[in-house]
């Protein structure tokens, strides 16, 4: 839980520090475009590297992520 809160706070800080600069340089369309491209890249990475667990029981999900801990 603390890792997720820390990660969220870190990225919120990055966003709040970079947005005013991007807004001044790129105008609103460009600033939001930069973040939209970042979201598309993140979506692609999640789609590619996070395994599908739909329909699996909890015990089976443990087995899917067992190798991720190493």
PDB file of N, CA and C in Angstrom:
ATOM      1  N   UNK A   1       0.829  -1.184   0.000  1.00  0.00           N
ATOM      2  CA  UNK A   1       0.000   0.000   0.000  1.00  0.00           C
ATOM      3  C   UNK A   1       0.874   1.248   0.000  1.00  0.00           C
ATOM      4  N   UNK A   2       1.909   1.267   0.804  1.00  0.00           N
ATOM      5  CA  UNK A   2       2.752   2.457   0.870  1.00  0.00           C
ATOM      6  C   UNK A   2       3.506   2.679  -0.439  1.00  0.00           C
ATOM      7  N   UNK A   3       3.831   1.604  -1.142  1.00  0.00           N
ATOM      8  CA  UNK A   3       4.497   1.746  -2.436  1.00  0.00           C
ATOM      9  C   UNK A   3       3.576   2.420  -3.444  1.00  0.00           C
ATOM     10  N   UNK A   4       2.300   2.049  -3.458  1.00  0.00           N
ATOM     11  CA  UNK A   4       1.373   2.667  -4.397  1.00  0.00           C
ATOM     12  C   UNK A   4       1.131   4.139  -4.066  1.00  0.00           C
ATOM     13  N   UNK A   5       1.052   4.488  -2.797  1.00  0.00           N
ATOM     14  CA  UNK A   5       0.868   5.884  -2.407  1.00  0.00           C
ATOM     15  C   UNK A   5       2.115   6.696  -2.760  1.00  0.00           C
ATOM     16  N   UNK A   6       3.273   6.129  -2.532  1.00  0.00           N
ATOM     17  CA  UNK A   6       4.524   6.812  -2.857  1.00  0.00           C
ATOM     18  C   UNK A   6       4.664   7.037  -4.367  1.00  0.00           C
ATOM     19  N   UNK A   7       4.333   6.015  -5.146  1.00  0.00           N
ATOM     20  CA  UNK A   7       4.404   6.139  -6.598  1.00  0.00           C
ATOM     21  C   UNK A   7       3.424   7.184  -7.106  1.00  0.00           C
ATOM     22  N   UNK A   8       2.212   7.155  -6.595  1.00  0.00           N
ATOM     23  CA  UNK A   8       1.198   8.128  -6.995  1.00  0.00           C
ATOM     24  C   UNK A   8       1.637   9.550  -6.655  1.00  0.00           C
ATOM     25  N   UNK A   9       2.169   9.741  -5.467  1.00  0.00           N
ATOM     26  CA  UNK A   9       2.632  11.068  -5.057  1.00  0.00           C
ATOM     27  C   UNK A   9       3.807  11.544  -5.904  1.00  0.00           C
ATOM     28  N   UNK A  10       4.696  10.637  -6.252  1.00  0.00           N
ATOM     29  CA  UNK A  10       5.843  10.995  -7.081  1.00  0.00           C
ATOM     30  C   UNK A  10       5.390  11.480  -8.447  1.00  0.00           C
ATOM     31  N   UNK A  11       4.493  10.730  -9.086  1.00  0.00           N
ATOM     32  CA  UNK A  11       4.039  11.128 -10.407  1.00  0.00           C
ATOM     33  C   UNK A  11       3.149  12.364 -10.362  1.00  0.00           C
ATOM     34  N   UNK A  12       2.400  12.555  -9.282  1.00  0.00           N
ATOM     35  CA  UNK A  12       1.619  13.781  -9.123  1.00  0.00           C
ATOM     36  C   UNK A  12       2.553  14.986  -8.990  1.00  0.00           C
ATOM     37  N   UNK A  13       3.669  14.811  -8.300  1.00  0.00           N
ATOM     38  CA  UNK A  13       4.651  15.894  -8.181  1.00  0.00           C
ATOM     39  C   UNK A  13       5.288  16.212  -9.518  1.00  0.00           C
ATOM     40  N   UNK A  14       5.629  15.174 -10.283  1.00  0.00           N
ATOM     41  CA  UNK A  14       6.208  15.389 -11.613  1.00  0.00           C
ATOM     42  C   UNK A  14       5.221  16.129 -12.501  1.00  0.00           C
ATOM     43  N   UNK A  15       3.968  15.731 -12.457  1.00  0.00           N
ATOM     44  CA  UNK A  15       2.938  16.387 -13.249  1.00  0.00           C
ATOM     45  C   UNK A  15       2.788  17.852 -12.859  1.00  0.00           C
ATOM     46  N   UNK A  16       2.723  18.131 -11.575  1.00  0.00           N
ATOM     47  CA  UNK A  16       2.521  19.511 -11.133  1.00  0.00           C
ATOM     48  C   UNK A  16       3.730  20.396 -11.402  1.00  0.00           C
ATOM     49  N   UNK A  17       4.915  19.809 -11.486  1.00  0.00           N
ATOM     50  CA  UNK A  17       6.104  20.602 -11.798  1.00  0.00           C
ATOM     51  C   UNK A  17       6.289  20.827 -13.295  1.00  0.00           C
ATOM     52  N   UNK A  18       5.879  19.878 -14.119  1.00  0.00           N
ATOM     53  CA  UNK A  18       6.107  20.004 -15.565  1.00  0.00           C
ATOM     54  C   UNK A  18       4.959  20.667 -16.311  1.00  0.00           C
ATOM     55  N   UNK A  19       3.737  20.580 -15.805  1.00  0.00           N
ATOM     56  CA  UNK A  19       2.598  21.094 -16.559  1.00  0.00           C
ATOM     57  C   UNK A  19       2.665  22.597 -16.821  1.00  0.00           C
ATOM     58  N   UNK A  20       2.998  23.450 -15.844  1.00  0.00           N
ATOM     59  CA  UNK A  20       3.046  24.883 -16.156  1.00  0.00           C
ATOM     60  C   UNK A  20       4.068  25.225 -17.251  1.00  0.00           C
ATOM     61  N   UNK A  21       5.205  24.557 -17.232  1.00  0.00           N
ATOM     62  CA  UNK A  21       6.215  24.783 -18.268  1.00  0.00           C
ATOM     63  C   UNK A  21       5.704  24.349 -19.637  1.00  0.00           C
ATOM     64  N   UNK A  22       5.143  23.153 -19.702  1.00  0.00           N
ATOM     65  CA  UNK A  22       4.614  22.667 -20.974  1.00  0.00           C
ATOM     66  C   UNK A  22       3.467  23.540 -21.468  1.00  0.00           C
ATOM     67  N   UNK A  23       2.644  24.026 -20.574  1.00  0.00           N
ATOM     68  CA  UNK A  23       1.531  24.883 -20.950  1.00  0.00           C
ATOM     69  C   UNK A  23       2.031  26.185 -21.563  1.00  0.00           C
ATOM     70  N   UNK A  24       3.109  26.740 -21.006  1.00  0.00           N
ATOM     71  CA  UNK A  24       3.659  27.989 -21.538  1.00  0.00           C
ATOM     72  C   UNK A  24       4.345  27.775 -22.880  1.00  0.00           C
ATOM     73  N   UNK A  25       5.017  26.652 -23.043  1.00  0.00           N
ATOM     74  CA  UNK A  25       5.787  26.405 -24.257  1.00  0.00           C
ATOM     75  C   UNK A  25       4.919  25.845 -25.383  1.00  0.00           C
ATOM     76  N   UNK A  26       4.074  24.882 -25.075  1.00  0.00           N
ATOM     77  CA  UNK A  26       3.342  24.144 -26.104  1.00  0.00           C
ATOM     78  C   UNK A  26       1.869  24.525 -26.220  1.00  0.00           C
ATOM     79  N   UNK A  27       1.375  25.407 -25.377  1.00  0.00           N
ATOM     80  CA  UNK A  27      -0.045  25.757 -25.327  1.00  0.00           C
ATOM     81  C   UNK A  27      -0.838  24.547 -24.831  1.00  0.00           C
ATOM     82  N   UNK A  28      -2.126  24.714 -24.535  1.00  0.00           N
ATOM     83  CA  UNK A  28      -2.879  23.597 -23.937  1.00  0.00           C
ATOM     84  C   UNK A  28      -2.914  22.324 -24.783  1.00  0.00           C
ATOM     85  N   UNK A  29      -3.084  22.459 -26.094  1.00  0.00           N
ATOM     86  CA  UNK A  29      -3.173  21.265 -26.936  1.00  0.00           C
ATOM     87  C   UNK A  29      -1.884  20.460 -26.892  1.00  0.00           C
ATOM     88  N   UNK A  30      -0.757  21.112 -26.948  1.00  0.00           N
ATOM     89  CA  UNK A  30       0.521  20.419 -26.915  1.00  0.00           C
ATOM     90  C   UNK A  30       0.815  19.801 -25.560  1.00  0.00           C
ATOM     91  N   UNK A  31       0.482  20.531 -24.494  1.00  0.00           N
ATOM     92  CA  UNK A  31       0.736  20.012 -23.147  1.00  0.00           C
ATOM     93  C   UNK A  31      -0.074  18.740 -22.901  1.00  0.00           C
ATOM     94  N   UNK A  32      -1.356  18.794 -23.229  1.00  0.00           N
ATOM     95  CA  UNK A  32      -2.179  17.605 -23.032  1.00  0.00           C
ATOM     96  C   UNK A  32      -1.793  16.510 -24.017  1.00  0.00           C
ATOM     97  N   UNK A  33      -1.307  16.894 -25.180  1.00  0.00           N
ATOM     98  CA  UNK A  33      -0.841  15.908 -26.155  1.00  0.00           C
ATOM     99  C   UNK A  33       0.353  15.121 -25.641  1.00  0.00           C
ATOM    100  N   UNK A  34       1.264  15.804 -24.965  1.00  0.00           N
ATOM    101  CA  UNK A  34       2.436  15.122 -24.391  1.00  0.00           C
ATOM    102  C   UNK A  34       1.988  14.064 -23.387  1.00  0.00           C
ATOM    103  N   UNK A  35       1.051  14.421 -22.522  1.00  0.00           N
ATOM    104  CA  UNK A  35       0.562  13.459 -21.530  1.00  0.00           C
ATOM    105  C   UNK A  35      -0.265  12.361 -22.187  1.00  0.00           C
ATOM    106  N   UNK A  36      -0.994  12.675 -23.255  1.00  0.00           N
ATOM    107  CA  UNK A  36      -1.765  11.651 -23.968  1.00  0.00           C
ATOM    108  C   UNK A  36      -0.833  10.619 -24.596  1.00  0.00           C
ATOM    109  N   UNK A  37       0.255  11.069 -25.198  1.00  0.00           N
ATOM    110  CA  UNK A  37       1.227  10.150 -25.780  1.00  0.00           C
ATOM    111  C   UNK A  37       1.850   9.286 -24.681  1.00  0.00           C
ATOM    112  N   UNK A  38       2.156   9.881 -23.554  1.00  0.00           N
ATOM    113  CA  UNK A  38       2.687   9.106 -22.429  1.00  0.00           C
ATOM    114  C   UNK A  38       1.718   8.042 -21.957  1.00  0.00           C
ATOM    115  N   UNK A  39       0.434   8.380 -21.918  1.00  0.00           N
ATOM    116  CA  UNK A  39      -0.579   7.393 -21.530  1.00  0.00           C
ATOM    117  C   UNK A  39      -0.688   6.274 -22.556  1.00  0.00           C
ATOM    118  N   UNK A  40      -0.588   6.592 -23.838  1.00  0.00           N
ATOM    119  CA  UNK A  40      -0.637   5.561 -24.863  1.00  0.00           C
ATOM    120  C   UNK A  40       0.561   4.618 -24.763  1.00  0.00           C
ATOM    121  N   UNK A  41       1.727   5.174 -24.494  1.00  0.00           N
ATOM    122  CA  UNK A  41       2.918   4.347 -24.318  1.00  0.00           C
ATOM    123  C   UNK A  41       2.751   3.442 -23.093  1.00  0.00           C
ATOM    124  N   UNK A  42       2.255   3.997 -21.995  1.00  0.00           N
ATOM    125  CA  UNK A  42       2.041   3.201 -20.785  1.00  0.00           C
ATOM    126  C   UNK A  42       1.012   2.103 -21.034  1.00  0.00           C
ATOM    127  N   UNK A  43      -0.059   2.425 -21.754  1.00  0.00           N
ATOM    128  CA  UNK A  43      -1.072   1.417 -22.073  1.00  0.00           C
ATOM    129  C   UNK A  43      -0.454   0.275 -22.879  1.00  0.00           C
ATOM    130  N   UNK A  44       0.348   0.619 -23.842  1.00  0.00           N
ATOM    131  CA  UNK A  44       1.001  -0.404 -24.656  1.00  0.00           C
ATOM    132  C   UNK A  44       1.923  -1.293 -23.840  1.00  0.00           C
ATOM    133  N   UNK A  45       2.665  -0.710 -22.932  1.00  0.00           N
ATOM    134  CA  UNK A  45       3.560  -1.495 -22.085  1.00  0.00           C
ATOM    135  C   UNK A  45       2.789  -2.431 -21.155  1.00  0.00           C
ATOM    136  N   UNK A  46       1.704  -1.929 -20.593  1.00  0.00           N
ATOM    137  CA  UNK A  46       0.875  -2.781 -19.730  1.00  0.00           C
ATOM    138  C   UNK A  46       0.264  -3.904 -20.553  1.00  0.00           C
ATOM    139  N   UNK A  47      -0.251  -3.585 -21.735  1.00  0.00           N
ATOM    140  CA  UNK A  47      -0.857  -4.604 -22.589  1.00  0.00           C
ATOM    141  C   UNK A  47       0.154  -5.681 -22.962  1.00  0.00           C
ATOM    142  N   UNK A  48       1.398  -5.266 -23.168  1.00  0.00           N
ATOM    143  CA  UNK A  48       2.429  -6.195 -23.620  1.00  0.00           C
ATOM    144  C   UNK A  48       3.018  -7.038 -22.479  1.00  0.00           C
ATOM    145  N   UNK A  49       3.216  -6.443 -21.307  1.00  0.00           N
ATOM    146  CA  UNK A  49       3.999  -7.110 -20.273  1.00  0.00           C
ATOM    147  C   UNK A  49       3.212  -7.594 -19.049  1.00  0.00           C
ATOM    148  N   UNK A  50       1.971  -7.181 -18.856  1.00  0.00           N
ATOM    149  CA  UNK A  50       1.191  -7.640 -17.713  1.00  0.00           C
ATOM    150  C   UNK A  50       0.344  -8.823 -18.169  1.00  0.00           C
ATOM    151  N   UNK A  51       0.512  -9.978 -17.542  1.00  0.00           N
ATOM    152  CA  UNK A  51      -0.212 -11.170 -17.994  1.00  0.00           C
ATOM    153  C   UNK A  51      -1.715 -11.081 -17.710  1.00  0.00           C
ATOM    154  N   UNK A  52      -2.496 -11.723 -18.563  1.00  0.00           N
ATOM    155  CA  UNK A  52      -3.947 -11.787 -18.412  1.00  0.00           C
ATOM    156  C   UNK A  52      -4.308 -12.792 -17.319  1.00  0.00           C
ATOM    157  N   UNK A  53      -5.173 -12.386 -16.400  1.00  0.00           N
ATOM    158  CA  UNK A  53      -5.579 -13.282 -15.319  1.00  0.00           C
ATOM    159  C   UNK A  53      -7.096 -13.420 -15.264  1.00  0.00           C
ATOM    160  N   UNK A  54      -7.792 -12.957 -16.287  1.00  0.00           N
ATOM    161  CA  UNK A  54      -9.245 -13.048 -16.309  1.00  0.00           C
ATOM    162  C   UNK A  54      -9.672 -14.518 -16.301  1.00  0.00           C
ATOM    163  N   UNK A  55     -10.590 -14.818 -15.402  1.00  0.00           N
ATOM    164  CA  UNK A  55     -11.119 -16.173 -15.328  1.00  0.00           C
ATOM    165  C   UNK A  55     -10.286 -17.141 -14.508  1.00  0.00           C
ATOM    166  N   UNK A  56      -9.170 -16.691 -13.964  1.00  0.00           N
ATOM    167  CA  UNK A  56      -8.337 -17.576 -13.154  1.00  0.00           C
ATOM    168  C   UNK A  56      -8.724 -17.472 -11.685  1.00  0.00           C
ATOM    169  N   UNK A  57      -8.561 -18.574 -10.968  1.00  0.00           N
ATOM    170  CA  UNK A  57      -8.773 -18.547  -9.525  1.00  0.00           C
ATOM    171  C   UNK A  57      -7.550 -17.909  -8.857  1.00  0.00           C
ATOM    172  N   UNK A  58      -7.719 -17.502  -7.608  1.00  0.00           N
ATOM    173  CA  UNK A  58      -6.629 -16.843  -6.883  1.00  0.00           C
ATOM    174  C   UNK A  58      -5.378 -17.701  -6.815  1.00  0.00           C
ATOM    175  N   UNK A  59      -5.544 -18.987  -6.644  1.00  0.00           N
ATOM    176  CA  UNK A  59      -4.392 -19.881  -6.570  1.00  0.00           C
ATOM    177  C   UNK A  59      -3.646 -19.899  -7.908  1.00  0.00           C
ATOM    178  N   UNK A  60      -4.391 -19.847  -8.996  1.00  0.00           N
ATOM    179  CA  UNK A  60      -3.769 -19.836 -10.313  1.00  0.00           C
ATOM    180  C   UNK A  60      -3.064 -18.511 -10.590  1.00  0.00           C
ATOM    181  N   UNK A  61      -3.640 -17.421 -10.093  1.00  0.00           N
ATOM    182  CA  UNK A  61      -3.012 -16.106 -10.265  1.00  0.00           C
ATOM    183  C   UNK A  61      -1.683 -16.061  -9.521  1.00  0.00           C
ATOM    184  N   UNK A  62      -1.633 -16.662  -8.342  1.00  0.00           N
ATOM    185  CA  UNK A  62      -0.362 -16.752  -7.612  1.00  0.00           C
ATOM    186  C   UNK A  62       0.692 -17.429  -8.468  1.00  0.00           C
ATOM    187  N   UNK A  63       0.300 -18.468  -9.164  1.00  0.00           N
ATOM    188  CA  UNK A  63       1.238 -19.182 -10.023  1.00  0.00           C
ATOM    189  C   UNK A  63       1.706 -18.338 -11.196  1.00  0.00           C
ATOM    190  N   UNK A  64       0.818 -17.495 -11.730  1.00  0.00           N
ATOM    191  CA  UNK A  64       1.190 -16.636 -12.865  1.00  0.00           C
ATOM    192  C   UNK A  64       2.270 -15.638 -12.437  1.00  0.00           C
ATOM    193  N   UNK A  65       2.107 -15.058 -11.254  1.00  0.00           N
ATOM    194  CA  UNK A  65       3.042 -14.024 -10.805  1.00  0.00           C
ATOM    195  C   UNK A  65       4.182 -14.573  -9.957  1.00  0.00           C
ATOM    196  N   UNK A  66       4.267 -15.864  -9.796  1.00  0.00           N
ATOM    197  CA  UNK A  66       5.323 -16.462  -8.983  1.00  0.00           C
ATOM    198  C   UNK A  66       6.715 -16.142  -9.532  1.00  0.00           C
ATOM    199  N   UNK A  67       6.887 -16.148 -10.809  1.00  0.00           N
ATOM    200  CA  UNK A  67       8.187 -15.847 -11.418  1.00  0.00           C
ATOM    201  C   UNK A  67       8.525 -14.364 -11.393  1.00  0.00           C
ATOM    202  N   UNK A  68       7.541 -13.482 -11.190  1.00  0.00           N
ATOM    203  CA  UNK A  68       7.791 -12.032 -11.204  1.00  0.00           C
ATOM    204  C   UNK A  68       8.567 -11.566  -9.965  1.00  0.00           C
ATOM    205  N   UNK A  69       8.512 -12.345  -8.887  1.00  0.00           N
ATOM    206  CA  UNK A  69       9.182 -11.950  -7.654  1.00  0.00           C
ATOM    207  C   UNK A  69      10.681 -12.122  -7.726  1.00  0.00           C
ATOM    208  N   UNK A  70      11.162 -12.956  -8.613  1.00  0.00           N
ATOM    209  CA  UNK A  70      12.584 -13.292  -8.657  1.00  0.00           C
ATOM    210  C   UNK A  70      13.368 -12.278  -9.369  1.00  0.00           C
TER     211      UNK A  70
END
